[in-house]
Amino acid sequence: MFDLSSPQSHIQRFDSASSVLSSTSSAVGSIESSLDSFTLSGDERELGKVCVRLSYQEALEQVWITLVQCSDLNLQPDGAEPPRFGFKGIITIPKPIQFKSSVKEYSQDVSFMETFVFALRLQQLRCSALVLRLQTHNPKKRTAAECVLSLRQLGPQETDHWLDLNSPSKSSVCHAELHLTTCFQPVNGRIQLQILAAQNLPASSSPLTQAFFVKAEMHHLGQVLMKKKTRVMKASGGQCKWAETFHFQLATLDDTCSLTVKLYSRSSVRRKQCLGQFQLGLDSPAPEAVERWKDMMSNPEKVVTAWHRLSTS
């Protein structure tokens, strides 16, 4: 049992005062065979990609964000003419920073090369994310696609990131992330889950004190088998830390079980709200979650720690 106790051609500058086992080998073998035959499904329509370049100048305490280009854009026009479009960017610190690109004529491949500079502390940025919303401007302005990039790896080295554009969510979106550790323990037939931390937490929109907790559920054939939750913790600098370990007994050693982890906020009047969730299992809508489940079940006792972005469903 394993227990887990360069400046570009167009630059805009902004300054902000706010400174991201042998007895189970046959069972594991059957799991591996079922996992190999599993195929992903989902929305086949691809909206394109956007390349963004990031770096942090530590001596100046500045983050440099360069919107480089779009590739393979696939937008549905609202009218007879191809849409003009641009990007709205948001840095999701407690007091969000917003910026806008120039507006371009629609084409499948478009170059921007526009750089935005903000004076912000690195520690604050590493607990936040960069949200890019593609907005069309004719016949009326609307958000046609969006993407999110965590800033937790931000550093002095300049890095390029190609982000897939996705359909915008129809509901209010929280861009929080959960730091989780998972391990499959075949001797006991159980999953060990450790809730480490949450970051990029939303700021309270009211004067009420806000705190957070995590609830985890084991599902089998649509039924909830077991529930566990962490302590309620107050956020500091947009993040919470728990380091709490839970064990979930698997009903069967096959692909019919899944694990759902939900993040909740709770106000001082004990009103709670689910901010988002992450589903780990073969029926998860997130391809990376499916791959992680396959890896976990195929490699008993392997401990994996990773950050997971939450979704609304």
Protein backbone atom coordinates (compact mmCIF):
# COMPACT_ATOMS: atom_id res chain seq x y z
CA MET A 1 0.00 0.00 0.00
CA PHE A 2 1.35 3.36 -1.01
CA ASP A 3 0.20 6.26 1.15
CA LEU A 4 0.47 9.86 0.26
CA SER A 5 0.33 11.79 3.56
CA SER A 6 11.86 39.98 -27.79
CA PRO A 7 9.92 43.08 -28.35
CA GLN A 8 7.64 42.73 -31.37
CA SER A 9 6.54 45.08 -34.15
CA HIS A 10 3.51 46.43 -32.29
CA ILE A 11 3.73 47.10 -28.56
CA GLN A 12 1.18 48.45 -26.13
CA ARG A 13 2.28 49.15 -22.54
CA PHE A 14 0.04 49.11 -19.50
CA ASP A 15 1.04 49.72 -15.88
CA SER A 16 -0.95 48.47 -12.94
CA ALA A 17 -0.59 49.22 -9.26
CA SER A 18 -1.45 45.54 -8.58
CA SER A 19 1.80 44.39 -8.92
CA VAL A 20 -0.77 32.14 -11.44
CA LEU A 21 1.18 -7.52 -7.87
CA SER A 22 0.90 -10.72 -8.84
CA SER A 23 -2.53 -11.52 -7.37
CA THR A 24 -4.09 -8.75 -9.38
CA SER A 25 -2.12 -9.10 -12.62
CA SER A 26 -4.96 -10.80 -14.45
CA ALA A 27 -7.42 -8.08 -13.41
CA VAL A 28 -5.00 -5.37 -14.47
CA GLY A 29 -4.47 -7.18 -17.76
CA SER A 30 -8.20 -7.19 -18.45
CA ILE A 31 -8.33 -3.48 -17.66
CA GLU A 32 -5.52 -2.81 -20.13
CA SER A 33 -7.30 -4.74 -22.88
CA SER A 34 -10.53 -2.81 -22.35
CA LEU A 35 -8.64 0.48 -22.26
CA ASP A 36 -6.88 -0.27 -25.55
CA SER A 37 -10.21 -0.65 -27.33
CA PHE A 38 -11.66 2.60 -25.98
CA THR A 39 -12.09 5.47 -28.47
CA LEU A 40 -12.84 9.08 -27.78
CA SER A 41 -15.90 10.91 -29.02
CA GLY A 42 -17.00 14.52 -28.98
CA ASP A 43 -17.46 17.65 -31.03
CA GLU A 44 -15.62 17.11 -34.30
CA ARG A 45 -15.75 20.73 -35.44
CA GLU A 46 -12.43 22.47 -34.99
CA LEU A 47 -12.46 26.28 -34.71
CA GLY A 48 -8.72 26.78 -35.21
CA LYS A 49 -5.72 27.68 -33.08
CA VAL A 50 -4.04 30.80 -31.74
CA CYS A 51 -0.37 31.22 -30.87
CA VAL A 52 0.56 33.35 -27.86
CA ARG A 53 4.09 34.15 -26.66
CA LEU A 54 4.82 34.75 -22.97
CA SER A 55 7.73 35.90 -20.87
CA TYR A 56 8.30 37.61 -17.51
CA GLN A 57 10.96 40.30 -17.01
CA GLU A 58 11.85 39.81 -13.35
CA ALA A 59 14.02 42.95 -13.05
CA LEU A 60 11.10 45.12 -14.22
CA GLU A 61 8.32 42.92 -12.75
CA GLN A 62 6.57 42.90 -16.11
CA VAL A 63 4.72 40.19 -17.99
CA TRP A 64 4.99 40.35 -21.81
CA ILE A 65 2.12 38.80 -23.78
CA THR A 66 2.44 38.64 -27.56
CA LEU A 67 -0.51 37.60 -29.67
CA VAL A 68 1.38 36.01 -32.58
CA GLN A 69 -1.07 34.53 -35.09
CA CYS A 70 -4.17 32.45 -35.76
CA SER A 71 -4.17 29.30 -37.85
CA ASP A 72 -6.91 27.17 -39.48
CA LEU A 73 -9.72 29.49 -38.37
CA ASN A 74 -13.17 28.06 -38.99
CA LEU A 75 -15.82 30.63 -38.03
CA GLN A 76 -19.47 30.55 -39.01
CA PRO A 77 -20.42 33.99 -40.45
CA ASP A 78 -23.46 35.75 -38.97
CA GLY A 79 -24.21 37.53 -42.26
CA ALA A 80 -23.36 37.43 -45.93
CA GLU A 81 -19.88 38.91 -45.50
CA PRO A 82 -16.90 37.22 -43.78
CA PRO A 83 -16.63 38.53 -40.20
CA ARG A 84 -14.01 40.95 -38.97
CA PHE A 85 -12.58 39.73 -35.69
CA GLY A 86 -10.20 40.49 -32.85
CA PHE A 87 -9.22 39.15 -29.45
CA LYS A 88 -10.14 40.25 -25.95
CA GLY A 89 -7.60 39.11 -23.37
CA ILE A 90 -8.17 38.74 -19.63
CA ILE A 91 -5.61 38.04 -16.91
CA THR A 92 -7.71 36.48 -14.14
CA ILE A 93 -6.13 38.04 -11.05
CA PRO A 94 -8.59 39.11 -8.29
CA LYS A 95 -8.97 42.47 -10.08
CA PRO A 96 -8.86 41.19 -13.68
CA ILE A 97 -6.68 42.94 -16.27
CA GLN A 98 -8.27 43.25 -19.73
CA PHE A 99 -6.81 44.18 -23.12
CA LYS A 100 -7.88 44.08 -26.76
CA SER A 101 -6.10 43.37 -30.03
CA SER A 102 -6.62 45.19 -33.31
CA VAL A 103 -9.52 44.05 -35.53
CA LYS A 104 -8.61 41.95 -38.58
CA GLU A 105 -10.33 40.82 -41.75
CA TYR A 106 -11.31 37.17 -41.59
CA SER A 107 -8.94 34.64 -43.10
CA GLN A 108 -8.00 31.09 -42.13
CA ASP A 109 -4.47 32.23 -41.23
CA VAL A 110 -3.96 35.72 -39.75
CA SER A 111 -0.84 37.34 -38.29
CA PHE A 112 -1.15 39.73 -35.31
CA MET A 113 2.28 40.22 -33.72
CA GLU A 114 0.91 42.54 -31.02
CA THR A 115 2.56 42.72 -27.60
CA PHE A 116 0.95 43.81 -24.32
CA VAL A 117 3.02 44.59 -21.22
CA PHE A 118 1.71 44.70 -17.65
CA ALA A 119 3.46 45.48 -14.36
CA LEU A 120 2.36 42.62 -12.10
CA ARG A 121 4.04 40.45 -9.48
CA LEU A 122 5.14 36.99 -10.65
CA GLN A 123 3.66 35.21 -7.63
CA GLN A 124 0.28 36.75 -8.38
CA LEU A 125 0.45 35.79 -12.05
CA ARG A 126 1.37 32.18 -11.34
CA CYS A 127 -1.93 31.77 -9.50
CA SER A 128 -3.94 33.07 -12.47
CA ALA A 129 -4.69 32.30 -16.11
CA LEU A 130 -4.78 34.07 -19.46
CA VAL A 131 -8.16 33.93 -21.20
CA LEU A 132 -8.38 34.82 -24.91
CA ARG A 133 -11.83 35.44 -26.40
CA LEU A 134 -12.18 35.66 -30.17
CA GLN A 135 -14.83 38.27 -30.92
CA THR A 136 -16.47 38.88 -34.31
CA HIS A 137 -17.45 42.51 -35.13
CA ASN A 138 -20.02 42.34 -37.91
CA PRO A 139 -22.92 42.51 -38.10
CA LYS A 140 -22.64 42.71 -34.30
CA LYS A 141 -19.96 41.92 -31.74
CA ARG A 142 -20.11 38.50 -30.17
CA THR A 143 -17.72 35.98 -28.65
CA ALA A 144 -17.28 33.18 -31.20
CA ALA A 145 -14.53 31.14 -29.49
CA GLU A 146 -12.21 31.18 -26.51
CA CYS A 147 -9.21 29.48 -24.96
CA VAL A 148 -7.47 29.46 -21.57
CA LEU A 149 -3.79 29.18 -20.63
CA SER A 150 -2.58 28.69 -17.06
CA LEU A 151 0.25 31.05 -16.05
CA ARG A 152 1.69 28.82 -13.31
CA GLN A 153 4.80 28.03 -15.46
CA LEU A 154 5.44 31.68 -16.35
CA GLY A 155 9.11 32.62 -16.15
CA PRO A 156 11.91 34.66 -17.75
CA GLN A 157 12.30 32.34 -20.73
CA GLU A 158 10.17 33.28 -23.74
CA THR A 159 7.75 30.48 -24.64
CA ASP A 160 5.25 29.98 -27.46
CA HIS A 161 1.90 28.27 -26.83
CA TRP A 162 -0.51 27.01 -29.50
CA LEU A 163 -4.00 26.99 -27.97
CA ASP A 164 -7.07 25.30 -29.42
CA LEU A 165 -10.06 27.61 -29.81
CA ASN A 166 -13.25 26.19 -28.32
CA SER A 167 -16.90 27.18 -28.41
CA PRO A 168 -17.63 29.69 -25.63
CA SER A 169 -19.46 28.46 -22.59
CA LYS A 170 -23.10 29.53 -22.29
CA SER A 171 -22.84 29.77 -18.51
CA SER A 172 -20.64 31.68 -16.11
CA VAL A 173 -17.19 30.11 -16.18
CA CYS A 174 -14.70 29.76 -13.35
CA HIS A 175 -11.12 29.33 -14.54
CA ALA A 176 -9.91 27.70 -11.33
CA GLU A 177 -7.57 24.72 -11.32
CA LEU A 178 -7.22 21.85 -8.87
CA HIS A 179 -3.91 20.23 -7.92
CA LEU A 180 -4.54 16.50 -7.45
CA THR A 181 -2.53 13.34 -6.86
CA THR A 182 -3.94 9.94 -7.84
CA CYS A 183 -2.81 6.34 -7.42
CA PHE A 184 -4.45 2.96 -8.16
CA GLN A 185 -3.85 0.46 -5.33
CA PRO A 186 -4.74 -3.00 -6.73
CA VAL A 187 -4.09 -4.92 -3.48
CA ASN A 188 -7.02 -3.09 -1.89
CA GLY A 189 -8.92 -2.46 -5.14
CA ARG A 190 -9.12 1.24 -4.49
CA ILE A 191 -8.17 4.68 -5.80
CA GLN A 192 -6.16 7.00 -3.59
CA LEU A 193 -6.89 10.68 -4.21
CA GLN A 194 -5.07 13.56 -2.58
CA ILE A 195 -6.48 17.09 -2.79
CA LEU A 196 -3.46 19.36 -2.69
CA ALA A 197 -4.55 22.88 -3.65
CA ALA A 198 -6.74 25.12 -5.80
CA GLN A 199 -5.62 28.26 -7.57
CA ASN A 200 -6.99 31.03 -9.78
CA LEU A 201 -9.98 31.22 -7.46
CA PRO A 202 -12.62 33.89 -8.18
CA ALA A 203 -12.80 36.96 -5.99
CA SER A 204 -15.96 37.55 -4.01
CA SER A 205 -18.45 39.90 -5.65
CA SER A 206 -19.93 40.83 -2.25
CA PRO A 207 -18.56 41.94 1.13
CA LEU A 208 -19.37 38.49 2.57
CA THR A 209 -16.43 36.30 3.57
CA GLN A 210 -15.85 33.55 1.00
CA ALA A 211 -14.19 30.18 1.55
CA PHE A 212 -13.75 27.03 -0.53
CA PHE A 213 -13.96 23.25 -0.23
CA VAL A 214 -13.63 20.25 -2.53
CA LYS A 215 -16.05 17.33 -2.81
CA ALA A 216 -15.07 14.03 -4.48
CA GLU A 217 -17.49 11.29 -5.59
CA MET A 218 -16.95 7.74 -6.82
CA HIS A 219 -19.50 6.71 -9.49
CA HIS A 220 -20.41 3.27 -10.82
CA LEU A 221 -22.97 2.76 -13.58
CA GLY A 222 -24.49 6.18 -12.90
CA GLN A 223 -24.76 5.66 -9.15
CA VAL A 224 -22.79 7.52 -6.47
CA LEU A 225 -21.01 4.92 -4.32
CA MET A 226 -19.05 7.18 -1.98
CA LYS A 227 -18.65 10.90 -1.19
CA LYS A 228 -15.88 12.71 0.63
CA LYS A 229 -15.09 16.40 1.12
CA THR A 230 -12.29 18.55 2.42
CA ARG A 231 -12.32 21.14 5.15
CA VAL A 232 -13.61 24.61 4.30
CA MET A 233 -10.65 26.93 3.78
CA LYS A 234 -10.29 30.66 3.18
CA ALA A 235 -8.40 31.71 0.06
CA SER A 236 -5.16 33.69 0.18
CA GLY A 237 -3.81 35.33 -2.95
CA GLY A 238 -6.33 33.49 -5.12
CA GLN A 239 -5.40 30.03 -3.85
CA CYS A 240 -6.23 27.44 -1.17
CA LYS A 241 -4.19 24.52 0.17
CA TRP A 242 -5.51 21.31 1.76
CA ALA A 243 -3.20 18.24 1.39
CA GLU A 244 -6.05 15.87 2.37
CA THR A 245 -6.04 12.20 1.29
CA PHE A 246 -9.13 10.11 0.46
CA HIS A 247 -9.55 6.44 -0.50
CA PHE A 248 -12.32 5.21 -2.80
CA GLN A 249 -13.14 1.53 -3.09
CA LEU A 250 -13.73 0.41 -6.68
CA ALA A 251 -16.93 -1.57 -7.23
CA THR A 252 -15.27 -3.61 -9.98
CA LEU A 253 -11.87 -3.61 -11.68
CA ASP A 254 -13.23 -2.56 -15.06
CA ASP A 255 -14.06 0.63 -16.94
CA THR A 256 -17.46 1.28 -15.33
CA CYS A 257 -16.19 3.43 -12.46
CA SER A 258 -15.26 7.11 -12.54
CA LEU A 259 -14.22 9.80 -10.10
CA THR A 260 -15.69 13.32 -10.07
CA VAL A 261 -14.01 16.15 -8.14
CA LYS A 262 -15.98 19.38 -7.59
CA LEU A 263 -14.87 22.75 -6.26
CA TYR A 264 -17.33 24.77 -4.15
CA SER A 265 -17.32 28.27 -2.74
CA ARG A 266 -19.17 29.08 0.48
CA SER A 267 -20.07 32.49 1.82
CA SER A 268 -20.26 33.54 5.46
CA VAL A 269 -24.03 32.92 5.38
CA ARG A 270 -23.31 29.25 4.50
CA ARG A 271 -24.55 29.64 0.93
CA LYS A 272 -22.55 27.34 -1.34
CA GLN A 273 -21.99 27.31 -5.09
CA CYS A 274 -20.35 24.72 -7.33
CA LEU A 275 -17.67 26.54 -9.35
CA GLY A 276 -16.76 23.63 -11.61
CA GLN A 277 -15.70 20.03 -11.72
CA PHE A 278 -13.17 17.57 -13.09
CA GLN A 279 -14.17 14.04 -14.08
CA LEU A 280 -11.58 11.27 -14.14
CA GLY A 281 -12.62 8.13 -16.06
CA LEU A 282 -13.17 6.64 -19.48
CA ASP A 283 -16.44 8.56 -19.92
CA SER A 284 -14.85 11.93 -19.09
CA PRO A 285 -15.45 14.70 -21.68
CA ALA A 286 -11.79 15.76 -21.30
CA PRO A 287 -9.36 13.67 -23.40
CA GLU A 288 -6.50 14.27 -20.95
CA ALA A 289 -8.66 12.91 -18.11
CA VAL A 290 -9.38 9.75 -20.10
CA GLU A 291 -5.66 9.27 -20.78
CA ARG A 292 -4.83 9.81 -17.14
CA TRP A 293 -7.39 7.20 -16.03
CA LYS A 294 -5.98 4.70 -18.54
CA ASP A 295 -2.45 5.39 -17.34
CA MET A 296 -3.44 5.08 -13.69
CA MET A 297 -5.31 1.79 -14.08
CA SER A 298 -2.63 0.26 -16.35
CA ASN A 299 0.21 1.17 -13.96
CA PRO A 300 -0.67 0.10 -10.40
CA GLU A 301 1.01 2.03 -7.57
CA LYS A 302 2.10 4.81 -9.97
CA VAL A 303 1.64 8.16 -8.24
CA VAL A 304 0.76 11.03 -10.58
CA THR A 305 0.44 14.67 -9.53
CA ALA A 306 -1.08 17.17 -11.96
CA TRP A 307 -3.08 20.38 -12.26
CA HIS A 308 -6.58 20.11 -13.73
CA ARG A 309 -8.71 22.91 -15.16
CA LEU A 310 -12.36 22.75 -14.15
CA SER A 311 -15.35 22.64 -16.47
CA THR A 312 -19.00 23.48 -15.89
CA SER A 313 -20.20 19.96 -16.75
